[in-house]
Amino acid sequence: MWEEKLKIYNALVAKCPRLERLGKTMPYTAANGYMFSLFNKAGEIGIRFSKERQEYYFRELSTTFYKSYGAVMSGYILIPEEMLKDLDKVAVLLDESYDYIMSLEPNKHKKK
């Protein structure tokens, strides 16, 4: 089951040519020194947004905070399972997240 969901995450990242999937045991995407999408051990996808966009997507997508290893990931939303049937729509969200991350000051404590 986890492997099947990992294939979906990989396909999602592949739809966004500016992005590269990173991580062996905890798949993620990162840019500008910040992670902005994660695939957790439960096979769930989380995408990071500004506080305002996060609150908007909570309402718009009827979703909630994203958790990884039992911890709430600040700024991330949980991508609802039913959305994974249309990866083109989710790719739009992932691209939006990338643009948000690139608008931040570079995180000099992390690799770019």
PDB file of N, CA and C in Angstrom:
ATOM      1  N   MET A   1       0.829  -1.195   0.000  1.00  0.00           N
ATOM      2  CA  MET A   1       0.000   0.000   0.000  1.00  0.00           C
ATOM      3  C   MET A   1       0.875   1.261   0.000  1.00  0.00           C
ATOM      4  N   TRP A   2       1.889   1.301   0.895  1.00  0.00           N
ATOM      5  CA  TRP A   2       2.782   2.463   0.972  1.00  0.00           C
ATOM      6  C   TRP A   2       3.510   2.642  -0.356  1.00  0.00           C
ATOM      7  N   GLU A   3       3.962   1.547  -0.938  1.00  0.00           N
ATOM      8  CA  GLU A   3       4.684   1.623  -2.210  1.00  0.00           C
ATOM      9  C   GLU A   3       3.795   2.166  -3.324  1.00  0.00           C
ATOM     10  N   GLU A   4       2.526   1.777  -3.326  1.00  0.00           N
ATOM     11  CA  GLU A   4       1.590   2.288  -4.342  1.00  0.00           C
ATOM     12  C   GLU A   4       1.391   3.793  -4.175  1.00  0.00           C
ATOM     13  N   LYS A   5       1.273   4.244  -2.941  1.00  0.00           N
ATOM     14  CA  LYS A   5       1.092   5.672  -2.685  1.00  0.00           C
ATOM     15  C   LYS A   5       2.378   6.444  -2.998  1.00  0.00           C
ATOM     16  N   LEU A   6       3.521   5.802  -2.777  1.00  0.00           N
ATOM     17  CA  LEU A   6       4.795   6.429  -3.128  1.00  0.00           C
ATOM     18  C   LEU A   6       4.869   6.653  -4.642  1.00  0.00           C
ATOM     19  N   LYS A   7       4.359   5.711  -5.416  1.00  0.00           N
ATOM     20  CA  LYS A   7       4.325   5.882  -6.876  1.00  0.00           C
ATOM     21  C   LYS A   7       3.489   7.105  -7.245  1.00  0.00           C
ATOM     22  N   ILE A   8       2.394   7.328  -6.531  1.00  0.00           N
ATOM     23  CA  ILE A   8       1.549   8.501  -6.773  1.00  0.00           C
ATOM     24  C   ILE A   8       2.327   9.769  -6.447  1.00  0.00           C
ATOM     25  N   TYR A   9       3.037   9.786  -5.306  1.00  0.00           N
ATOM     26  CA  TYR A   9       3.834  10.960  -4.931  1.00  0.00           C
ATOM     27  C   TYR A   9       4.911  11.227  -5.989  1.00  0.00           C
ATOM     28  N   ASN A  10       5.592  10.182  -6.408  1.00  0.00           N
ATOM     29  CA  ASN A  10       6.634  10.334  -7.432  1.00  0.00           C
ATOM     30  C   ASN A  10       6.043  10.885  -8.734  1.00  0.00           C
ATOM     31  N   ALA A  11       4.864  10.388  -9.110  1.00  0.00           N
ATOM     32  CA  ALA A  11       4.201  10.871 -10.328  1.00  0.00           C
ATOM     33  C   ALA A  11       3.806  12.337 -10.178  1.00  0.00           C
ATOM     34  N   LEU A  12       3.366  12.710  -8.983  1.00  0.00           N
ATOM     35  CA  LEU A  12       3.008  14.102  -8.718  1.00  0.00           C
ATOM     36  C   LEU A  12       4.220  15.013  -8.896  1.00  0.00           C
ATOM     37  N   VAL A  13       5.323  14.675  -8.274  1.00  0.00           N
ATOM     38  CA  VAL A  13       6.539  15.500  -8.375  1.00  0.00           C
ATOM     39  C   VAL A  13       7.019  15.552  -9.822  1.00  0.00           C
ATOM     40  N   ALA A  14       6.891  14.455 -10.541  1.00  0.00           N
ATOM     41  CA  ALA A  14       7.319  14.409 -11.944  1.00  0.00           C
ATOM     42  C   ALA A  14       6.509  15.358 -12.825  1.00  0.00           C
ATOM     43  N   LYS A  15       5.290  15.698 -12.405  1.00  0.00           N
ATOM     44  CA  LYS A  15       4.454  16.637 -13.167  1.00  0.00           C
ATOM     45  C   LYS A  15       4.933  18.079 -13.035  1.00  0.00           C
ATOM     46  N   CYS A  16       5.857  18.329 -12.131  1.00  0.00           N
ATOM     47  CA  CYS A  16       6.364  19.682 -11.876  1.00  0.00           C
ATOM     48  C   CYS A  16       7.845  19.714 -12.246  1.00  0.00           C
ATOM     49  N   PRO A  17       8.159  20.104 -13.482  1.00  0.00           N
ATOM     50  CA  PRO A  17       9.532  20.001 -13.980  1.00  0.00           C
ATOM     51  C   PRO A  17      10.579  20.787 -13.173  1.00  0.00           C
ATOM     52  N   ARG A  18      10.158  21.788 -12.431  1.00  0.00           N
ATOM     53  CA  ARG A  18      11.123  22.568 -11.639  1.00  0.00           C
ATOM     54  C   ARG A  18      11.558  21.826 -10.377  1.00  0.00           C
ATOM     55  N   LEU A  19      10.888  20.737 -10.053  1.00  0.00           N
ATOM     56  CA  LEU A  19      11.105  20.064  -8.775  1.00  0.00           C
ATOM     57  C   LEU A  19      11.867  18.762  -8.940  1.00  0.00           C
ATOM     58  N   GLU A  20      12.502  18.372  -7.850  1.00  0.00           N
ATOM     59  CA  GLU A  20      13.200  17.091  -7.787  1.00  0.00           C
ATOM     60  C   GLU A  20      12.806  16.408  -6.494  1.00  0.00           C
ATOM     61  N   ARG A  21      12.440  15.140  -6.592  1.00  0.00           N
ATOM     62  CA  ARG A  21      12.118  14.381  -5.390  1.00  0.00           C
ATOM     63  C   ARG A  21      13.410  14.027  -4.677  1.00  0.00           C
ATOM     64  N   LEU A  22      13.449  14.286  -3.392  1.00  0.00           N
ATOM     65  CA  LEU A  22      14.613  14.014  -2.563  1.00  0.00           C
ATOM     66  C   LEU A  22      14.242  12.997  -1.486  1.00  0.00           C
ATOM     67  N   GLY A  23      15.247  12.508  -0.770  1.00  0.00           N
ATOM     68  CA  GLY A  23      15.016  11.618   0.363  1.00  0.00           C
ATOM     69  C   GLY A  23      14.813  10.172  -0.034  1.00  0.00           C
ATOM     70  N   LYS A  24      15.447   9.285   0.713  1.00  0.00           N
ATOM     71  CA  LYS A  24      15.288   7.854   0.446  1.00  0.00           C
ATOM     72  C   LYS A  24      14.211   7.251   1.341  1.00  0.00           C
ATOM     73  N   THR A  25      14.307   7.480   2.643  1.00  0.00           N
ATOM     74  CA  THR A  25      13.335   6.892   3.565  1.00  0.00           C
ATOM     75  C   THR A  25      12.175   7.830   3.866  1.00  0.00           C
ATOM     76  N   MET A  26      12.370   9.124   3.697  1.00  0.00           N
ATOM     77  CA  MET A  26      11.309  10.107   3.884  1.00  0.00           C
ATOM     78  C   MET A  26      11.294  11.006   2.650  1.00  0.00           C
ATOM     79  N   PRO A  27      10.555  10.630   1.627  1.00  0.00           N
ATOM     80  CA  PRO A  27      10.526  11.415   0.394  1.00  0.00           C
ATOM     81  C   PRO A  27      10.007  12.837   0.628  1.00  0.00           C
ATOM     82  N   TYR A  28      10.629  13.799  -0.045  1.00  0.00           N
ATOM     83  CA  TYR A  28      10.231  15.203   0.104  1.00  0.00           C
ATOM     84  C   TYR A  28      10.736  16.008  -1.081  1.00  0.00           C
ATOM     85  N   THR A  29      10.256  17.258  -1.150  1.00  0.00           N
ATOM     86  CA  THR A  29      10.821  18.225  -2.086  1.00  0.00           C
ATOM     87  C   THR A  29      11.298  19.411  -1.268  1.00  0.00           C
ATOM     88  N   ALA A  30      12.319  20.087  -1.776  1.00  0.00           N
ATOM     89  CA  ALA A  30      12.875  21.245  -1.077  1.00  0.00           C
ATOM     90  C   ALA A  30      13.445  22.212  -2.109  1.00  0.00           C
ATOM     91  N   ALA A  31      13.441  23.483  -1.722  1.00  0.00           N
ATOM     92  CA  ALA A  31      14.041  24.538  -2.536  1.00  0.00           C
ATOM     93  C   ALA A  31      14.322  25.716  -1.628  1.00  0.00           C
ATOM     94  N   ASN A  32      15.302  26.510  -1.983  1.00  0.00           N
ATOM     95  CA  ASN A  32      15.599  27.731  -1.246  1.00  0.00           C
ATOM     96  C   ASN A  32      15.924  27.438   0.222  1.00  0.00           C
ATOM     97  N   GLY A  33      16.310  26.195   0.518  1.00  0.00           N
ATOM     98  CA  GLY A  33      16.646  25.814   1.881  1.00  0.00           C
ATOM     99  C   GLY A  33      15.467  25.371   2.725  1.00  0.00           C
ATOM    100  N   TYR A  34      14.295  25.168   2.109  1.00  0.00           N
ATOM    101  CA  TYR A  34      13.084  24.773   2.838  1.00  0.00           C
ATOM    102  C   TYR A  34      12.440  23.549   2.193  1.00  0.00           C
ATOM    103  N   MET A  35      11.966  22.630   3.030  1.00  0.00           N
ATOM    104  CA  MET A  35      11.119  21.562   2.516  1.00  0.00           C
ATOM    105  C   MET A  35       9.746  22.166   2.239  1.00  0.00           C
ATOM    106  N   PHE A  36       9.063  21.657   1.208  1.00  0.00           N
ATOM    107  CA  PHE A  36       7.723  22.168   0.947  1.00  0.00           C
ATOM    108  C   PHE A  36       6.725  21.088   0.553  1.00  0.00           C
ATOM    109  N   SER A  37       7.159  19.858   0.438  1.00  0.00           N
ATOM    110  CA  SER A  37       6.215  18.747   0.354  1.00  0.00           C
ATOM    111  C   SER A  37       6.868  17.540   1.006  1.00  0.00           C
ATOM    112  N   LEU A  38       6.010  16.712   1.589  1.00  0.00           N
ATOM    113  CA  LEU A  38       6.484  15.525   2.296  1.00  0.00           C
ATOM    114  C   LEU A  38       5.566  14.348   1.995  1.00  0.00           C
ATOM    115  N   PHE A  39       6.136  13.177   2.061  1.00  0.00           N
ATOM    116  CA  PHE A  39       5.384  11.929   1.965  1.00  0.00           C
ATOM    117  C   PHE A  39       5.709  11.151   3.229  1.00  0.00           C
ATOM    118  N   ASN A  40       4.723  10.956   4.115  1.00  0.00           N
ATOM    119  CA  ASN A  40       5.011  10.360   5.416  1.00  0.00           C
ATOM    120  C   ASN A  40       4.872   8.839   5.419  1.00  0.00           C
ATOM    121  N   LYS A  41       5.172   8.239   6.572  1.00  0.00           N
ATOM    122  CA  LYS A  41       5.142   6.779   6.679  1.00  0.00           C
ATOM    123  C   LYS A  41       3.728   6.213   6.580  1.00  0.00           C
ATOM    124  N   ALA A  42       2.709   7.081   6.752  1.00  0.00           N
ATOM    125  CA  ALA A  42       1.318   6.655   6.586  1.00  0.00           C
ATOM    126  C   ALA A  42       0.883   6.719   5.123  1.00  0.00           C
ATOM    127  N   GLY A  43       1.781   7.174   4.246  1.00  0.00           N
ATOM    128  CA  GLY A  43       1.457   7.270   2.828  1.00  0.00           C
ATOM    129  C   GLY A  43       0.632   8.497   2.488  1.00  0.00           C
ATOM    130  N   GLU A  44       0.753   9.545   3.319  1.00  0.00           N
ATOM    131  CA  GLU A  44       0.017  10.788   3.102  1.00  0.00           C
ATOM    132  C   GLU A  44       0.947  11.861   2.548  1.00  0.00           C
ATOM    133  N   ILE A  45       0.360  12.752   1.750  1.00  0.00           N
ATOM    134  CA  ILE A  45       1.120  13.846   1.150  1.00  0.00           C
ATOM    135  C   ILE A  45       0.741  15.148   1.831  1.00  0.00           C
ATOM    136  N   GLY A  46       1.756  15.912   2.198  1.00  0.00           N
ATOM    137  CA  GLY A  46       1.552  17.234   2.763  1.00  0.00           C
ATOM    138  C   GLY A  46       2.262  18.270   1.909  1.00  0.00           C
ATOM    139  N   ILE A  47       1.617  19.428   1.739  1.00  0.00           N
ATOM    140  CA  ILE A  47       2.202  20.517   0.958  1.00  0.00           C
ATOM    141  C   ILE A  47       2.149  21.785   1.799  1.00  0.00           C
ATOM    142  N   ARG A  48       3.234  22.554   1.743  1.00  0.00           N
ATOM    143  CA  ARG A  48       3.390  23.752   2.566  1.00  0.00           C
ATOM    144  C   ARG A  48       2.938  25.018   1.845  1.00  0.00           C
ATOM    145  N   PHE A  49       2.266  25.882   2.605  1.00  0.00           N
ATOM    146  CA  PHE A  49       1.773  27.163   2.088  1.00  0.00           C
ATOM    147  C   PHE A  49       1.956  28.253   3.137  1.00  0.00           C
ATOM    148  N   SER A  50       1.736  29.491   2.708  1.00  0.00           N
ATOM    149  CA  SER A  50       1.688  30.599   3.668  1.00  0.00           C
ATOM    150  C   SER A  50       0.502  30.358   4.605  1.00  0.00           C
ATOM    151  N   LYS A  51       0.497  31.010   5.734  1.00  0.00           N
ATOM    152  CA  LYS A  51      -0.582  30.870   6.717  1.00  0.00           C
ATOM    153  C   LYS A  51      -1.950  31.164   6.082  1.00  0.00           C
ATOM    154  N   GLU A  52      -2.009  32.242   5.294  1.00  0.00           N
ATOM    155  CA  GLU A  52      -3.280  32.623   4.667  1.00  0.00           C
ATOM    156  C   GLU A  52      -3.760  31.557   3.684  1.00  0.00           C
ATOM    157  N   ARG A  53      -2.863  31.056   2.846  1.00  0.00           N
ATOM    158  CA  ARG A  53      -3.247  30.029   1.868  1.00  0.00           C
ATOM    159  C   ARG A  53      -3.570  28.707   2.568  1.00  0.00           C
ATOM    160  N   GLN A  54      -2.840  28.411   3.632  1.00  0.00           N
ATOM    161  CA  GLN A  54      -3.131  27.197   4.392  1.00  0.00           C
ATOM    162  C   GLN A  54      -4.573  27.258   4.924  1.00  0.00           C
ATOM    163  N   GLU A  55      -4.945  28.374   5.517  1.00  0.00           N
ATOM    164  CA  GLU A  55      -6.304  28.522   6.049  1.00  0.00           C
ATOM    165  C   GLU A  55      -7.337  28.452   4.920  1.00  0.00           C
ATOM    166  N   TYR A  56      -7.027  29.049   3.782  1.00  0.00           N
ATOM    167  CA  TYR A  56      -7.916  28.986   2.621  1.00  0.00           C
ATOM    168  C   TYR A  56      -8.129  27.526   2.198  1.00  0.00           C
ATOM    169  N   TYR A  57      -7.048  26.767   2.091  1.00  0.00           N
ATOM    170  CA  TYR A  57      -7.165  25.380   1.642  1.00  0.00           C
ATOM    171  C   TYR A  57      -7.830  24.490   2.687  1.00  0.00           C
ATOM    172  N   PHE A  58      -7.682  24.814   3.966  1.00  0.00           N
ATOM    173  CA  PHE A  58      -8.435  24.068   4.975  1.00  0.00           C
ATOM    174  C   PHE A  58      -9.925  24.123   4.637  1.00  0.00           C
ATOM    175  N   ARG A  59     -10.409  25.317   4.314  1.00  0.00           N
ATOM    176  CA  ARG A  59     -11.829  25.507   3.989  1.00  0.00           C
ATOM    177  C   ARG A  59     -12.166  24.938   2.604  1.00  0.00           C
ATOM    178  N   GLU A  60     -11.382  25.320   1.613  1.00  0.00           N
ATOM    179  CA  GLU A  60     -11.666  24.964   0.220  1.00  0.00           C
ATOM    180  C   GLU A  60     -11.619  23.455  -0.024  1.00  0.00           C
ATOM    181  N   LEU A  61     -10.682  22.781   0.591  1.00  0.00           N
ATOM    182  CA  LEU A  61     -10.487  21.351   0.348  1.00  0.00           C
ATOM    183  C   LEU A  61     -11.036  20.470   1.470  1.00  0.00           C
ATOM    184  N   SER A  62     -11.626  21.103   2.476  1.00  0.00           N
ATOM    185  CA  SER A  62     -12.133  20.369   3.652  1.00  0.00           C
ATOM    186  C   SER A  62     -11.056  19.439   4.199  1.00  0.00           C
ATOM    187  N   THR A  63      -9.891  20.019   4.453  1.00  0.00           N
ATOM    188  CA  THR A  63      -8.774  19.216   4.950  1.00  0.00           C
ATOM    189  C   THR A  63      -8.273  19.792   6.272  1.00  0.00           C
ATOM    190  N   THR A  64      -7.150  19.326   6.710  1.00  0.00           N
ATOM    191  CA  THR A  64      -6.622  19.686   8.015  1.00  0.00           C
ATOM    192  C   THR A  64      -5.097  19.788   7.963  1.00  0.00           C
ATOM    193  N   PHE A  65      -4.508  19.940   9.136  1.00  0.00           N
ATOM    194  CA  PHE A  65      -3.057  19.980   9.249  1.00  0.00           C
ATOM    195  C   PHE A  65      -2.458  18.646   8.817  1.00  0.00           C
ATOM    196  N   TYR A  66      -1.264  18.721   8.289  1.00  0.00           N
ATOM    197  CA  TYR A  66      -0.518  17.525   7.890  1.00  0.00           C
ATOM    198  C   TYR A  66       0.371  17.116   9.048  1.00  0.00           C
ATOM    199  N   LYS A  67       0.406  15.816   9.320  1.00  0.00           N
ATOM    200  CA  LYS A  67       1.256  15.288  10.391  1.00  0.00           C
ATOM    201  C   LYS A  67       2.252  14.307   9.807  1.00  0.00           C
ATOM    202  N   SER A  68       3.450  14.356  10.338  1.00  0.00           N
ATOM    203  CA  SER A  68       4.480  13.399   9.964  1.00  0.00           C
ATOM    204  C   SER A  68       5.147  12.912  11.241  1.00  0.00           C
ATOM    205  N   TYR A  69       5.200  11.618  11.404  1.00  0.00           N
ATOM    206  CA  TYR A  69       5.762  11.005  12.607  1.00  0.00           C
ATOM    207  C   TYR A  69       5.118  11.575  13.870  1.00  0.00           C
ATOM    208  N   GLY A  70       3.796  11.787  13.815  1.00  0.00           N
ATOM    209  CA  GLY A  70       3.037  12.240  14.977  1.00  0.00           C
ATOM    210  C   GLY A  70       3.099  13.728  15.260  1.00  0.00           C
ATOM    211  N   ALA A  71       3.890  14.465  14.504  1.00  0.00           N
ATOM    212  CA  ALA A  71       4.038  15.909  14.740  1.00  0.00           C
ATOM    213  C   ALA A  71       3.297  16.696  13.666  1.00  0.00           C
ATOM    214  N   VAL A  72       2.608  17.762  14.090  1.00  0.00           N
ATOM    215  CA  VAL A  72       1.966  18.652  13.130  1.00  0.00           C
ATOM    216  C   VAL A  72       3.061  19.443  12.425  1.00  0.00           C
ATOM    217  N   MET A  73       3.020  19.434  11.109  1.00  0.00           N
ATOM    218  CA  MET A  73       4.016  20.151  10.319  1.00  0.00           C
ATOM    219  C   MET A  73       3.500  21.564  10.052  1.00  0.00           C
ATOM    220  N   SER A  74       4.156  22.537  10.616  1.00  0.00           N
ATOM    221  CA  SER A  74       3.732  23.933  10.522  1.00  0.00           C
ATOM    222  C   SER A  74       3.660  24.392   9.064  1.00  0.00           C
ATOM    223  N   GLY A  75       2.507  24.943   8.683  1.00  0.00           N
ATOM    224  CA  GLY A  75       2.327  25.469   7.341  1.00  0.00           C
ATOM    225  C   GLY A  75       1.865  24.459   6.307  1.00  0.00           C
ATOM    226  N   TYR A  76       1.817  23.193   6.661  1.00  0.00           N
ATOM    227  CA  TYR A  76       1.445  22.145   5.705  1.00  0.00           C
ATOM    228  C   TYR A  76      -0.029  21.789   5.806  1.00  0.00           C
ATOM    229  N   ILE A  77      -0.611  21.439   4.654  1.00  0.00           N
ATOM    230  CA  ILE A  77      -1.955  20.872   4.635  1.00  0.00           C
ATOM    231  C   ILE A  77      -1.863  19.415   4.203  1.00  0.00           C
ATOM    232  N   LEU A  78      -2.812  18.628   4.674  1.00  0.00           N
ATOM    233  CA  LEU A  78      -2.942  17.244   4.240  1.00  0.00           C
ATOM    234  C   LEU A  78      -3.702  17.239   2.924  1.00  0.00           C
ATOM    235  N   ILE A  79      -3.125  16.628   1.901  1.00  0.00           N
ATOM    236  CA  ILE A  79      -3.816  16.502   0.617  1.00  0.00           C
ATOM    237  C   ILE A  79      -4.828  15.358   0.752  1.00  0.00           C
ATOM    238  N   PRO A  80      -6.118  15.678   0.597  1.00  0.00           N
ATOM    239  CA  PRO A  80      -7.146  14.638   0.745  1.00  0.00           C
ATOM    240  C   PRO A  80      -6.959  13.502  -0.264  1.00  0.00           C
ATOM    241  N   GLU A  81      -7.227  12.313   0.194  1.00  0.00           N
ATOM    242  CA  GLU A  81      -7.073  11.105  -0.625  1.00  0.00           C
ATOM    243  C   GLU A  81      -7.784  11.216  -1.977  1.00  0.00           C
ATOM    244  N   GLU A  82      -9.005  11.754  -1.968  1.00  0.00           N
ATOM    245  CA  GLU A  82      -9.769  11.826  -3.220  1.00  0.00           C
ATOM    246  C   GLU A  82      -9.117  12.753  -4.248  1.00  0.00           C
ATOM    247  N   MET A  83      -8.319  13.711  -3.796  1.00  0.00           N
ATOM    248  CA  MET A  83      -7.629  14.609  -4.739  1.00  0.00           C
ATOM    249  C   MET A  83      -6.556  13.889  -5.538  1.00  0.00           C
ATOM    250  N   LEU A  84      -6.060  12.795  -5.002  1.00  0.00           N
ATOM    251  CA  LEU A  84      -4.968  12.075  -5.664  1.00  0.00           C
ATOM    252  C   LEU A  84      -5.417  11.389  -6.953  1.00  0.00           C
ATOM    253  N   LYS A  85      -6.715  11.415  -7.208  1.00  0.00           N
ATOM    254  CA  LYS A  85      -7.237  10.868  -8.472  1.00  0.00           C
ATOM    255  C   LYS A  85      -7.015  11.841  -9.624  1.00  0.00           C
ATOM    256  N   ASP A  86      -6.707  13.099  -9.302  1.00  0.00           N
ATOM    257  CA  ASP A  86      -6.452  14.118 -10.325  1.00  0.00           C
ATOM    258  C   ASP A  86      -5.134  14.820  -9.997  1.00  0.00           C
ATOM    259  N   LEU A  87      -4.045  14.184 -10.381  1.00  0.00           N
ATOM    260  CA  LEU A  87      -2.721  14.710 -10.038  1.00  0.00           C
ATOM    261  C   LEU A  87      -2.427  16.048 -10.701  1.00  0.00           C
ATOM    262  N   ASP A  88      -3.097  16.350 -11.811  1.00  0.00           N
ATOM    263  CA  ASP A  88      -2.882  17.651 -12.441  1.00  0.00           C
ATOM    264  C   ASP A  88      -3.309  18.779 -11.496  1.00  0.00           C
ATOM    265  N   LYS A  89      -4.422  18.597 -10.803  1.00  0.00           N
ATOM    266  CA  LYS A  89      -4.885  19.608  -9.838  1.00  0.00           C
ATOM    267  C   LYS A  89      -3.933  19.715  -8.654  1.00  0.00           C
ATOM    268  N   VAL A  90      -3.453  18.584  -8.184  1.00  0.00           N
ATOM    269  CA  VAL A  90      -2.522  18.602  -7.045  1.00  0.00           C
ATOM    270  C   VAL A  90      -1.191  19.223  -7.472  1.00  0.00           C
ATOM    271  N   ALA A  91      -0.790  18.994  -8.718  1.00  0.00           N
ATOM    272  CA  ALA A  91       0.454  19.583  -9.231  1.00  0.00           C
ATOM    273  C   ALA A  91       0.375  21.104  -9.226  1.00  0.00           C
ATOM    274  N   VAL A  92      -0.801  21.658  -9.471  1.00  0.00           N
ATOM    275  CA  VAL A  92      -0.988  23.114  -9.404  1.00  0.00           C
ATOM    276  C   VAL A  92      -0.687  23.597  -7.980  1.00  0.00           C
ATOM    277  N   LEU A  93      -1.160  22.853  -6.987  1.00  0.00           N
ATOM    278  CA  LEU A  93      -0.891  23.207  -5.587  1.00  0.00           C
ATOM    279  C   LEU A  93       0.605  23.101  -5.275  1.00  0.00           C
ATOM    280  N   LEU A  94       1.227  22.062  -5.779  1.00  0.00           N
ATOM    281  CA  LEU A  94       2.658  21.865  -5.527  1.00  0.00           C
ATOM    282  C   LEU A  94       3.481  22.987  -6.165  1.00  0.00           C
ATOM    283  N   ASP A  95       3.105  23.389  -7.367  1.00  0.00           N
ATOM    284  CA  ASP A  95       3.783  24.518  -8.015  1.00  0.00           C
ATOM    285  C   ASP A  95       3.559  25.815  -7.239  1.00  0.00           C
ATOM    286  N   GLU A  96       2.347  26.003  -6.729  1.00  0.00           N
ATOM    287  CA  GLU A  96       2.070  27.189  -5.910  1.00  0.00           C
ATOM    288  C   GLU A  96       2.949  27.197  -4.659  1.00  0.00           C
ATOM    289  N   SER A  97       3.107  26.038  -4.042  1.00  0.00           N
ATOM    290  CA  SER A  97       3.947  25.917  -2.861  1.00  0.00           C
ATOM    291  C   SER A  97       5.405  26.260  -3.187  1.00  0.00           C
ATOM    292  N   TYR A  98       5.886  25.758  -4.315  1.00  0.00           N
ATOM    293  CA  TYR A  98       7.250  26.073  -4.751  1.00  0.00           C
ATOM    294  C   TYR A  98       7.431  27.585  -4.904  1.00  0.00           C
ATOM    295  N   ASP A  99       6.471  28.228  -5.556  1.00  0.00           N
ATOM    296  CA  ASP A  99       6.552  29.684  -5.737  1.00  0.00           C
ATOM    297  C   ASP A  99       6.570  30.407  -4.392  1.00  0.00           C
ATOM    298  N   TYR A 100       5.769  29.924  -3.449  1.00  0.00           N
ATOM    299  CA  TYR A 100       5.761  30.515  -2.100  1.00  0.00           C
ATOM    300  C   TYR A 100       7.141  30.373  -1.446  1.00  0.00           C
ATOM    301  N   ILE A 101       7.692  29.184  -1.484  1.00  0.00           N
ATOM    302  CA  ILE A 101       8.995  28.933  -0.861  1.00  0.00           C
ATOM    303  C   ILE A 101      10.083  29.806  -1.496  1.00  0.00           C
ATOM    304  N   MET A 102      10.010  29.975  -2.806  1.00  0.00           N
ATOM    305  CA  MET A 102      11.009  30.786  -3.493  1.00  0.00           C
ATOM    306  C   MET A 102      10.844  32.275  -3.188  1.00  0.00           C
ATOM    307  N   SER A 103       9.686  32.685  -2.655  1.00  0.00           N
ATOM    308  CA  SER A 103       9.469  34.087  -2.282  1.00  0.00           C
ATOM    309  C   SER A 103      10.051  34.414  -0.910  1.00  0.00           C
ATOM    310  N   LEU A 104      10.423  33.380  -0.146  1.00  0.00           N
ATOM    311  CA  LEU A 104      10.988  33.582   1.189  1.00  0.00           C
ATOM    312  C   LEU A 104      12.480  33.899   1.098  1.00  0.00           C
ATOM    313  N   GLU A 105      12.992  34.531   2.147  1.00  0.00           N
ATOM    314  CA  GLU A 105      14.442  34.705   2.246  1.00  0.00           C
ATOM    315  C   GLU A 105      15.077  33.316   2.267  1.00  0.00           C
ATOM    316  N   PRO A 106      16.188  33.109   1.572  1.00  0.00           N
ATOM    317  CA  PRO A 106      16.819  31.786   1.593  1.00  0.00           C
ATOM    318  C   PRO A 106      17.165  31.352   3.018  1.00  0.00           C
ATOM    319  N   ASN A 107      16.932  30.084   3.292  1.00  0.00           N
ATOM    320  CA  ASN A 107      17.281  29.507   4.587  1.00  0.00           C
ATOM    321  C   ASN A 107      18.738  29.088   4.493  1.00  0.00           C
ATOM    322  N   LYS A 108      19.615  29.878   5.070  1.00  0.00           N
ATOM    323  CA  LYS A 108      21.059  29.651   4.930  1.00  0.00           C
ATOM    324  C   LYS A 108      21.565  28.490   5.795  1.00  0.00           C
ATOM    325  N   HIS A 109      20.698  27.956   6.659  1.00  0.00           N
ATOM    326  CA  HIS A 109      21.094  26.853   7.516  1.00  0.00           C
ATOM    327  C   HIS A 109      20.899  25.499   6.835  1.00  0.00           C
ATOM    328  N   LYS A 110      20.270  25.520   5.679  1.00  0.00           N
ATOM    329  CA  LYS A 110      19.985  24.274   4.954  1.00  0.00           C
ATOM    330  C   LYS A 110      20.638  24.345   3.572  1.00  0.00           C
ATOM    331  N   LYS A 111      20.798  23.166   2.965  1.00  0.00           N
ATOM    332  CA  LYS A 111      21.284  23.114   1.593  1.00  0.00           C
ATOM    333  C   LYS A 111      20.245  23.715   0.664  1.00  0.00           C
ATOM    334  N   LYS A 112      20.707  24.315  -0.425  1.00  0.00           N
ATOM    335  CA  LYS A 112      19.782  24.885  -1.402  1.00  0.00           C
ATOM    336  C   LYS A 112      19.301  23.858  -2.372  1.00  0.00           C
TER     337      LYS A 112
END
